[in-house]
Amino acid sequence: MNRATGAGYRNTRIFMDSRDNRATAETSCHSAVKTPSVRKRRETAEVLGRSGNPAAIPALLTTLSDPSLEVRKAAILALGRIRDSDAVPGLVCSLEDPDPRVRVVAISALGMIKDRSISPALIHCLNDRDMTVRMGAIEVLGRLGVTCALSPLERLLLDPSSDIRVAAGRAIERIRK
């Protein structure tokens, strides 16, 4: 972020300066993500994610339904960077976003949090019509090492796509180690 002007930037700065006061931090976050500028909302989400402050989670969750694809993706990635399980329900909802690019980023963010409770949602993503979504789910399931994913991953060994078959095989190997 090059310019520190406008209400969104001021509120983000207040947030960054108020790590010890959760109420002030949450209020400034909510104000920052409501700016009319798509660019500023996206940049605000990025800054909040880099902060790693869990107080940003409620504000970031409100942006998961933002009309802008870029804002939604930035908010999802920010939630992943914060690495707090309070973000998991919102991120799981993002797996239903109509845009596959959002679903892929949501899978990646869930993988950053490393919460094994997400396994059923990721297993569901193995049936997504978009190959990149399926590939992302395969990768994260393999990294998480959840044995409940073995059977669904084994079914992917018969997938028409060689990329899917290879990725599923690798994930199975990781889980079995």
C-alpha atoms as a PDB file:
ATOM      1  CA  MET A   1       0.000   0.000   0.000  1.00  0.00           C
ATOM      2  CA  ASN A   2       1.719   3.179  -1.163  1.00  0.00           C
ATOM      3  CA  ARG A   3      -0.679   5.861  -0.016  1.00  0.00           C
ATOM      4  CA  ALA A   4      -1.999   6.232   3.505  1.00  0.00           C
ATOM      5  CA  THR A   5      -4.993   8.404   2.763  1.00  0.00           C
ATOM      6  CA  GLY A   6      -8.727   8.024   3.212  1.00  0.00           C
ATOM      7  CA  ALA A   7     -10.865   6.579   5.976  1.00  0.00           C
ATOM      8  CA  GLY A   8     -10.026   2.971   5.132  1.00  0.00           C
ATOM      9  CA  TYR A   9      -6.316   3.591   5.524  1.00  0.00           C
ATOM     10  CA  ARG A  10      -6.767   5.611   8.724  1.00  0.00           C
ATOM     11  CA  ASN A  11      -8.920   2.879  10.209  1.00  0.00           C
ATOM     12  CA  THR A  12      -6.409   0.220   9.204  1.00  0.00           C
ATOM     13  CA  ARG A  13      -3.668   2.253  10.872  1.00  0.00           C
ATOM     14  CA  ILE A  14      -5.802   2.534  14.021  1.00  0.00           C
ATOM     15  CA  PHE A  15      -6.220  -1.228  13.885  1.00  0.00           C
ATOM     16  CA  MET A  16      -2.494  -1.803  13.533  1.00  0.00           C
ATOM     17  CA  ASP A  17      -1.836   0.548  16.461  1.00  0.00           C
ATOM     18  CA  SER A  18      -4.497  -0.999  18.724  1.00  0.00           C
ATOM     19  CA  ARG A  19      -3.426  -4.638  18.961  1.00  0.00           C
ATOM     20  CA  ASP A  20      -3.914  -4.557  22.728  1.00  0.00           C
ATOM     21  CA  ASN A  21      -7.456  -3.146  22.582  1.00  0.00           C
ATOM     22  CA  ARG A  22      -9.638  -5.736  20.818  1.00  0.00           C
ATOM     23  CA  ALA A  23     -12.804  -3.568  20.787  1.00  0.00           C
ATOM     24  CA  THR A  24     -11.005  -0.638  19.138  1.00  0.00           C
ATOM     25  CA  ALA A  25      -9.318  -2.988  16.697  1.00  0.00           C
ATOM     26  CA  GLU A  26     -12.593  -4.652  15.672  1.00  0.00           C
ATOM     27  CA  THR A  27     -14.359  -1.297  15.206  1.00  0.00           C
ATOM     28  CA  SER A  28     -11.570   0.073  13.027  1.00  0.00           C
ATOM     29  CA  CYS A  29     -11.525  -3.129  10.960  1.00  0.00           C
ATOM     30  CA  HIS A  30     -15.254  -2.972  10.238  1.00  0.00           C
ATOM     31  CA  SER A  31     -14.952   0.658   9.140  1.00  0.00           C
ATOM     32  CA  ALA A  32     -11.951  -0.065   6.940  1.00  0.00           C
ATOM     33  CA  VAL A  33     -13.596  -2.831   4.912  1.00  0.00           C
ATOM     34  CA  LYS A  34     -16.709  -0.736   4.191  1.00  0.00           C
ATOM     35  CA  THR A  35     -14.989   1.876   2.018  1.00  0.00           C
ATOM     36  CA  PRO A  36     -16.635   2.296  -1.422  1.00  0.00           C
ATOM     37  CA  SER A  37     -13.322   1.791  -3.246  1.00  0.00           C
ATOM     38  CA  VAL A  38     -12.737  -1.795  -4.384  1.00  0.00           C
ATOM     39  CA  ARG A  39      -8.983  -1.192  -4.433  1.00  0.00           C
ATOM     40  CA  LYS A  40      -8.993   0.138  -0.872  1.00  0.00           C
ATOM     41  CA  ARG A  41     -11.159  -2.741   0.386  1.00  0.00           C
ATOM     42  CA  ARG A  42      -8.777  -5.236  -1.227  1.00  0.00           C
ATOM     43  CA  GLU A  43      -5.690  -3.495   0.145  1.00  0.00           C
ATOM     44  CA  THR A  44      -7.279  -3.232   3.586  1.00  0.00           C
ATOM     45  CA  ALA A  45      -7.944  -6.980   3.609  1.00  0.00           C
ATOM     46  CA  GLU A  46      -4.321  -7.594   2.631  1.00  0.00           C
ATOM     47  CA  VAL A  47      -3.027  -5.375   5.451  1.00  0.00           C
ATOM     48  CA  LEU A  48      -5.327  -7.026   7.982  1.00  0.00           C
ATOM     49  CA  GLY A  49      -4.074 -10.446   6.922  1.00  0.00           C
ATOM     50  CA  ARG A  50      -0.440  -9.430   7.222  1.00  0.00           C
ATOM     51  CA  SER A  51      -1.114  -8.176  10.746  1.00  0.00           C
ATOM     52  CA  GLY A  52      -1.942 -11.680  11.927  1.00  0.00           C
ATOM     53  CA  ASN A  53      -4.331 -10.151  14.472  1.00  0.00           C
ATOM     54  CA  PRO A  54      -7.395 -12.350  15.164  1.00  0.00           C
ATOM     55  CA  ALA A  55      -9.388  -9.176  15.938  1.00  0.00           C
ATOM     56  CA  ALA A  56      -9.582  -8.696  12.155  1.00  0.00           C
ATOM     57  CA  ILE A  57     -11.510 -11.939  11.624  1.00  0.00           C
ATOM     58  CA  PRO A  58     -15.071 -10.573  12.111  1.00  0.00           C
ATOM     59  CA  ALA A  59     -14.483  -7.731   9.631  1.00  0.00           C
ATOM     60  CA  LEU A  60     -12.818 -10.021   7.110  1.00  0.00           C
ATOM     61  CA  LEU A  61     -15.687 -12.492   7.374  1.00  0.00           C
ATOM     62  CA  THR A  62     -18.116  -9.735   6.345  1.00  0.00           C
ATOM     63  CA  THR A  63     -16.162  -9.229   3.123  1.00  0.00           C
ATOM     64  CA  LEU A  64     -16.510 -12.849   2.015  1.00  0.00           C
ATOM     65  CA  SER A  65     -19.732 -11.837   0.262  1.00  0.00           C
ATOM     66  CA  ASP A  66     -18.250  -8.684  -1.288  1.00  0.00           C
ATOM     67  CA  PRO A  67     -19.387  -8.174  -4.907  1.00  0.00           C
ATOM     68  CA  SER A  68     -15.744  -7.873  -5.990  1.00  0.00           C
ATOM     69  CA  LEU A  69     -13.936 -11.113  -6.775  1.00  0.00           C
ATOM     70  CA  GLU A  70     -10.603  -9.521  -5.856  1.00  0.00           C
ATOM     71  CA  VAL A  71     -11.865  -8.344  -2.456  1.00  0.00           C
ATOM     72  CA  ARG A  72     -13.277 -11.793  -1.662  1.00  0.00           C
ATOM     73  CA  LYS A  73     -10.003 -13.468  -2.629  1.00  0.00           C
ATOM     74  CA  ALA A  74      -7.949 -10.979  -0.580  1.00  0.00           C
ATOM     75  CA  ALA A  75     -10.184 -11.464   2.472  1.00  0.00           C
ATOM     76  CA  ILE A  76      -9.977 -15.245   2.194  1.00  0.00           C
ATOM     77  CA  LEU A  77      -6.206 -15.172   1.895  1.00  0.00           C
ATOM     78  CA  ALA A  78      -6.025 -12.752   4.844  1.00  0.00           C
ATOM     79  CA  LEU A  79      -8.075 -15.145   6.974  1.00  0.00           C
ATOM     80  CA  GLY A  80      -5.710 -17.953   6.063  1.00  0.00           C
ATOM     81  CA  ARG A  81      -2.700 -15.864   7.016  1.00  0.00           C
ATOM     82  CA  ILE A  82      -4.186 -15.134  10.439  1.00  0.00           C
ATOM     83  CA  ARG A  83      -4.324 -18.917  10.981  1.00  0.00           C
ATOM     84  CA  ASP A  84      -7.153 -18.923  13.509  1.00  0.00           C
ATOM     85  CA  SER A  85      -9.843 -21.606  13.615  1.00  0.00           C
ATOM     86  CA  ASP A  86     -12.526 -18.914  14.145  1.00  0.00           C
ATOM     87  CA  ALA A  87     -12.212 -18.253  10.405  1.00  0.00           C
ATOM     88  CA  VAL A  88     -12.924 -21.858   9.377  1.00  0.00           C
ATOM     89  CA  PRO A  89     -16.762 -21.680   9.120  1.00  0.00           C
ATOM     90  CA  GLY A  90     -16.605 -18.619   6.851  1.00  0.00           C
ATOM     91  CA  LEU A  91     -13.881 -20.151   4.719  1.00  0.00           C
ATOM     92  CA  VAL A  92     -15.855 -23.374   4.368  1.00  0.00           C
ATOM     93  CA  CYS A  93     -18.811 -21.289   3.121  1.00  0.00           C
ATOM     94  CA  SER A  94     -16.473 -19.770   0.525  1.00  0.00           C
ATOM     95  CA  LEU A  95     -16.016 -23.244  -0.930  1.00  0.00           C
ATOM     96  CA  GLU A  96     -19.520 -22.730  -2.365  1.00  0.00           C
ATOM     97  CA  ASP A  97     -18.633 -19.457  -4.122  1.00  0.00           C
ATOM     98  CA  PRO A  98     -19.760 -19.508  -7.768  1.00  0.00           C
ATOM     99  CA  ASP A  99     -16.269 -18.510  -8.941  1.00  0.00           C
ATOM    100  CA  PRO A 100     -13.733 -21.362  -8.931  1.00  0.00           C
ATOM    101  CA  ARG A 101     -10.886 -18.908  -8.324  1.00  0.00           C
ATOM    102  CA  VAL A 102     -12.450 -18.022  -4.986  1.00  0.00           C
ATOM    103  CA  ARG A 103     -12.921 -21.700  -4.132  1.00  0.00           C
ATOM    104  CA  VAL A 104      -9.240 -22.403  -4.890  1.00  0.00           C
ATOM    105  CA  VAL A 105      -8.096 -19.548  -2.631  1.00  0.00           C
ATOM    106  CA  ALA A 106     -10.464 -20.774   0.109  1.00  0.00           C
ATOM    107  CA  ILE A 107      -8.914 -24.249  -0.074  1.00  0.00           C
ATOM    108  CA  SER A 108      -5.455 -22.723   0.177  1.00  0.00           C
ATOM    109  CA  ALA A 109      -6.484 -20.593   3.177  1.00  0.00           C
ATOM    110  CA  LEU A 110      -8.002 -23.593   4.930  1.00  0.00           C
ATOM    111  CA  GLY A 111      -4.739 -25.426   4.337  1.00  0.00           C
ATOM    112  CA  MET A 112      -2.852 -22.592   6.053  1.00  0.00           C
ATOM    113  CA  ILE A 113      -5.000 -22.980   9.157  1.00  0.00           C
ATOM    114  CA  LYS A 114      -4.301 -26.739   9.293  1.00  0.00           C
ATOM    115  CA  ASP A 115      -7.523 -27.633  11.077  1.00  0.00           C
ATOM    116  CA  ARG A 116      -8.365 -31.284  10.416  1.00  0.00           C
ATOM    117  CA  SER A 117     -12.075 -30.585  10.969  1.00  0.00           C
ATOM    118  CA  ILE A 118     -12.145 -29.192   7.425  1.00  0.00           C
ATOM    119  CA  SER A 119     -11.574 -32.638   5.920  1.00  0.00           C
ATOM    120  CA  PRO A 120     -15.248 -33.330   5.046  1.00  0.00           C
ATOM    121  CA  ALA A 121     -15.522 -29.987   3.225  1.00  0.00           C
ATOM    122  CA  LEU A 122     -12.316 -30.674   1.300  1.00  0.00           C
ATOM    123  CA  ILE A 123     -13.444 -34.199   0.449  1.00  0.00           C
ATOM    124  CA  HIS A 124     -16.619 -32.656  -0.973  1.00  0.00           C
ATOM    125  CA  CYS A 125     -14.395 -30.419  -3.162  1.00  0.00           C
ATOM    126  CA  LEU A 126     -12.916 -33.532  -4.778  1.00  0.00           C
ATOM    127  CA  ASN A 127     -16.168 -33.664  -6.778  1.00  0.00           C
ATOM    128  CA  ASP A 128     -16.000 -30.034  -7.934  1.00  0.00           C
ATOM    129  CA  ARG A 129     -16.479 -29.533 -11.671  1.00  0.00           C
ATOM    130  CA  ASP A 130     -13.355 -27.328 -11.777  1.00  0.00           C
ATOM    131  CA  MET A 131     -10.066 -29.214 -12.003  1.00  0.00           C
ATOM    132  CA  THR A 132      -8.044 -26.553 -10.140  1.00  0.00           C
ATOM    133  CA  VAL A 133     -10.442 -26.797  -7.202  1.00  0.00           C
ATOM    134  CA  ARG A 134     -10.059 -30.584  -7.159  1.00  0.00           C
ATOM    135  CA  MET A 135      -6.260 -30.282  -7.393  1.00  0.00           C
ATOM    136  CA  GLY A 136      -6.174 -27.828  -4.483  1.00  0.00           C
ATOM    137  CA  ALA A 137      -8.326 -30.086  -2.324  1.00  0.00           C
ATOM    138  CA  ILE A 138      -6.127 -33.088  -3.141  1.00  0.00           C
ATOM    139  CA  GLU A 139      -2.986 -31.169  -2.171  1.00  0.00           C
ATOM    140  CA  VAL A 140      -4.361 -29.890   1.142  1.00  0.00           C
ATOM    141  CA  LEU A 141      -5.808 -33.272   2.097  1.00  0.00           C
ATOM    142  CA  GLY A 142      -2.410 -34.832   1.443  1.00  0.00           C
ATOM    143  CA  ARG A 143      -0.648 -32.209   3.577  1.00  0.00           C
ATOM    144  CA  LEU A 144      -3.137 -32.651   6.412  1.00  0.00           C
ATOM    145  CA  GLY A 145      -2.578 -36.402   6.332  1.00  0.00           C
ATOM    146  CA  VAL A 146      -6.164 -37.303   7.148  1.00  0.00           C
ATOM    147  CA  THR A 147      -6.864 -40.998   6.715  1.00  0.00           C
ATOM    148  CA  CYS A 148     -10.585 -40.428   6.129  1.00  0.00           C
ATOM    149  CA  ALA A 149      -9.588 -38.961   2.742  1.00  0.00           C
ATOM    150  CA  LEU A 150      -7.936 -42.174   1.530  1.00  0.00           C
ATOM    151  CA  SER A 151     -11.024 -43.783   0.004  1.00  0.00           C
ATOM    152  CA  PRO A 152     -12.173 -40.648  -1.887  1.00  0.00           C
ATOM    153  CA  LEU A 153      -8.606 -40.066  -3.083  1.00  0.00           C
ATOM    154  CA  GLU A 154      -8.303 -43.677  -4.236  1.00  0.00           C
ATOM    155  CA  ARG A 155     -11.405 -43.193  -6.394  1.00  0.00           C
ATOM    156  CA  LEU A 156      -9.574 -40.325  -8.106  1.00  0.00           C
ATOM    157  CA  LEU A 157      -6.925 -42.775  -9.295  1.00  0.00           C
ATOM    158  CA  LEU A 158      -9.486 -43.602 -12.017  1.00  0.00           C
ATOM    159  CA  ASP A 159     -10.123 -39.952 -12.978  1.00  0.00           C
ATOM    160  CA  PRO A 160      -9.905 -39.163 -16.711  1.00  0.00           C
ATOM    161  CA  SER A 161      -7.302 -36.463 -15.989  1.00  0.00           C
ATOM    162  CA  SER A 162      -3.754 -37.747 -15.587  1.00  0.00           C
ATOM    163  CA  ASP A 163      -2.941 -34.657 -13.483  1.00  0.00           C
ATOM    164  CA  ILE A 164      -5.684 -35.573 -11.020  1.00  0.00           C
ATOM    165  CA  ARG A 165      -4.554 -39.215 -10.930  1.00  0.00           C
ATOM    166  CA  VAL A 166      -0.928 -38.251 -10.243  1.00  0.00           C
ATOM    167  CA  ALA A 167      -1.873 -35.687  -7.564  1.00  0.00           C
ATOM    168  CA  ALA A 168      -4.202 -38.188  -5.878  1.00  0.00           C
ATOM    169  CA  GLY A 169      -1.446 -40.808  -5.875  1.00  0.00           C
ATOM    170  CA  ARG A 170       0.983 -38.379  -4.252  1.00  0.00           C
ATOM    171  CA  ALA A 171      -1.572 -37.361  -1.627  1.00  0.00           C
ATOM    172  CA  ILE A 172      -2.265 -41.004  -0.814  1.00  0.00           C
ATOM    173  CA  GLU A 173       1.472 -41.631  -0.388  1.00  0.00           C
ATOM    174  CA  ARG A 174       1.788 -38.669   1.995  1.00  0.00           C
ATOM    175  CA  ILE A 175      -1.154 -39.822   4.075  1.00  0.00           C
ATOM    176  CA  ARG A 176       0.138 -43.391   4.342  1.00  0.00           C
ATOM    177  CA  LYS A 177       3.631 -42.344   5.505  1.00  0.00           C
END
